[in-house]
C-alpha atoms as a PDB file:
ATOM      1  CA  MET A   1      -7.007   9.235   9.975  1.00  0.00           C
ATOM      2  CA  SER A   2      -6.977   5.464   9.501  1.00  0.00           C
ATOM      3  CA  VAL A   3      -3.915   3.772   7.964  1.00  0.00           C
ATOM      4  CA  THR A   4      -6.341   2.992   4.892  1.00  0.00           C
ATOM      5  CA  ALA A   5      -7.244   6.441   4.241  1.00  0.00           C
ATOM      6  CA  GLU A   6      -3.679   7.722   4.794  1.00  0.00           C
ATOM      7  CA  MET A   7      -2.392   5.239   2.350  1.00  0.00           C
ATOM      8  CA  GLN A   8      -4.906   6.160  -0.109  1.00  0.00           C
ATOM      9  CA  ALA A   9      -4.312   9.844   0.086  1.00  0.00           C
ATOM     10  CA  ARG A  10      -0.513   9.637  -0.143  1.00  0.00           C
ATOM     11  CA  LEU A  11      -0.721   7.463  -3.225  1.00  0.00           C
ATOM     12  CA  GLU A  12      -3.144   9.597  -5.140  1.00  0.00           C
ATOM     13  CA  ALA A  13      -1.226  12.625  -4.374  1.00  0.00           C
ATOM     14  CA  ALA A  14       2.140  10.862  -5.531  1.00  0.00           C
ATOM     15  CA  PHE A  15       0.906   9.004  -8.550  1.00  0.00           C
ATOM     16  CA  GLN A  16      -2.470  10.345  -9.590  1.00  0.00           C
ATOM     17  CA  PRO A  17      -3.567   6.403 -10.205  1.00  0.00           C
ATOM     18  CA  THR A  18      -6.162   5.773 -13.006  1.00  0.00           C
ATOM     19  CA  ALA A  19      -6.991   2.827 -10.576  1.00  0.00           C
ATOM     20  CA  LEU A  20      -6.482   2.282  -6.969  1.00  0.00           C
ATOM     21  CA  ASN A  21      -7.822  -0.347  -4.631  1.00  0.00           C
ATOM     22  CA  ILE A  22      -6.670  -0.731  -1.113  1.00  0.00           C
ATOM     23  CA  VAL A  23      -7.711  -4.067   0.625  1.00  0.00           C
ATOM     24  CA  ASP A  24      -7.451  -4.722   4.444  1.00  0.00           C
ATOM     25  CA  ASP A  25      -6.814  -8.361   4.667  1.00  0.00           C
ATOM     26  CA  SER A  26      -6.079  -8.269   8.370  1.00  0.00           C
ATOM     27  CA  GLU A  27      -8.848 -10.466   9.524  1.00  0.00           C
ATOM     28  CA  SER A  28      -7.751 -13.246   7.500  1.00  0.00           C
ATOM     29  CA  HIS A  29      -4.328 -13.270   9.058  1.00  0.00           C
ATOM     30  CA  ARG A  30      -5.831 -13.545  12.563  1.00  0.00           C
ATOM     31  CA  GLY A  31      -3.296 -15.876  15.010  1.00  0.00           C
ATOM     32  CA  HIS A  32      -0.554 -14.932  12.581  1.00  0.00           C
ATOM     33  CA  SER A  33       2.575 -12.847  13.116  1.00  0.00           C
ATOM     34  CA  GLY A  34       1.713  -9.133  12.957  1.00  0.00           C
ATOM     35  CA  PHE A  35      -2.004  -9.472  13.510  1.00  0.00           C
ATOM     36  CA  GLN A  36      -3.542  -6.514  15.577  1.00  0.00           C
ATOM     37  CA  GLU A  37      -6.785  -6.699  17.108  1.00  0.00           C
ATOM     38  CA  GLY A  38      -9.015  -3.971  14.925  1.00  0.00           C
ATOM     39  CA  GLY A  39      -7.100  -4.621  11.694  1.00  0.00           C
ATOM     40  CA  GLU A  40      -5.216  -2.182   9.537  1.00  0.00           C
ATOM     41  CA  SER A  41      -1.898  -4.545   9.737  1.00  0.00           C
ATOM     42  CA  HIS A  42      -2.221  -6.481   6.517  1.00  0.00           C
ATOM     43  CA  PHE A  43      -2.868  -4.920   3.079  1.00  0.00           C
ATOM     44  CA  GLN A  44      -3.381  -5.592  -0.642  1.00  0.00           C
ATOM     45  CA  VAL A  45      -2.725  -2.640  -2.728  1.00  0.00           C
ATOM     46  CA  THR A  46      -3.575  -2.601  -6.747  1.00  0.00           C
ATOM     47  CA  ILE A  47      -2.440   0.532  -8.452  1.00  0.00           C
ATOM     48  CA  GLN A  48      -2.332   1.785 -12.100  1.00  0.00           C
ATOM     49  CA  ALA A  49      -0.675   4.883 -12.946  1.00  0.00           C
ATOM     50  CA  ASP A  50       1.419   6.294 -15.820  1.00  0.00           C
ATOM     51  CA  ALA A  51       4.005   7.253 -13.648  1.00  0.00           C
ATOM     52  CA  PHE A  52       5.342   3.542 -13.228  1.00  0.00           C
ATOM     53  CA  ALA A  53       5.539   3.270 -17.162  1.00  0.00           C
ATOM     54  CA  LYS A  54       9.310   3.417 -17.159  1.00  0.00           C
ATOM     55  CA  MET A  55      10.100   1.950 -14.034  1.00  0.00           C
ATOM     56  CA  SER A  56      11.413  -1.565 -13.284  1.00  0.00           C
ATOM     57  CA  ARG A  57       9.367  -3.810 -10.870  1.00  0.00           C
ATOM     58  CA  ILE A  58      11.809  -2.879  -7.852  1.00  0.00           C
ATOM     59  CA  ALA A  59      11.828   0.916  -8.665  1.00  0.00           C
ATOM     60  CA  ARG A  60       7.735   0.649  -8.710  1.00  0.00           C
ATOM     61  CA  HIS A  61       7.888  -0.759  -5.227  1.00  0.00           C
ATOM     62  CA  ARG A  62      10.477   1.715  -3.986  1.00  0.00           C
ATOM     63  CA  ALA A  63       8.390   4.378  -5.338  1.00  0.00           C
ATOM     64  CA  VAL A  64       5.241   3.219  -3.519  1.00  0.00           C
ATOM     65  CA  HIS A  65       7.046   2.638  -0.232  1.00  0.00           C
ATOM     66  CA  THR A  66       8.601   6.126  -0.415  1.00  0.00           C
ATOM     67  CA  ALA A  67       5.125   7.585  -1.149  1.00  0.00           C
ATOM     68  CA  LEU A  68       3.928   6.129   1.856  1.00  0.00           C
ATOM     69  CA  GLY A  69       6.913   7.236   4.078  1.00  0.00           C
ATOM     70  CA  PRO A  70       8.555   5.345   6.814  1.00  0.00           C
ATOM     71  CA  VAL A  71       6.227   5.977   9.498  1.00  0.00           C
ATOM     72  CA  LEU A  72       3.161   4.779   7.619  1.00  0.00           C
ATOM     73  CA  VAL A  73       5.171   1.788   6.320  1.00  0.00           C
ATOM     74  CA  ALA A  74       6.305   1.001  10.249  1.00  0.00           C
ATOM     75  CA  ARG A  75       2.394   0.788  10.998  1.00  0.00           C
ATOM     76  CA  ILE A  76       1.974  -1.910   8.517  1.00  0.00           C
ATOM     77  CA  HIS A  77       3.053  -5.465   9.259  1.00  0.00           C
ATOM     78  CA  ALA A  78       2.400  -6.659   5.423  1.00  0.00           C
ATOM     79  CA  LEU A  79       2.121  -4.966   2.242  1.00  0.00           C
ATOM     80  CA  GLU A  80       1.170  -6.797  -1.236  1.00  0.00           C
ATOM     81  CA  LEU A  81       1.616  -4.651  -4.205  1.00  0.00           C
ATOM     82  CA  LYS A  82       0.277  -5.310  -7.584  1.00  0.00           C
ATOM     83  CA  ILE A  83       1.410  -2.095  -9.521  1.00  0.00           C
ATOM     84  CA  SER A  84       1.151  -1.478 -13.288  1.00  0.00           C
ATOM     85  CA  ALA A  85       1.185   1.511 -15.869  1.00  0.00           C
END
C-alpha cells in the first residue's frame, strides 16, 4: 500500500473527517534533504473533523501523528498539517 493510501485509511478510520486532502509534494523538494526518488516523502495534509473541536493546536497535531503511527511517520520526511474542526 502506498504511503498516501495508508495515511488516508488511517486518518479516515481515526477521525471520520468531513474533509480530507492529502497532497504528495515530494517533487517540489527534489534536491533537498529527505527527498526520495519516486516521491512519498513530503506531504501536505488538510483535514477537518468534529473530533478536533475541543483540542488545542498541539493536541490536534499529536492526535494525527498518533493515528498515523510511528512506523508510517518514520517513512515520511516532512508532514505539513492543516487541521480544523
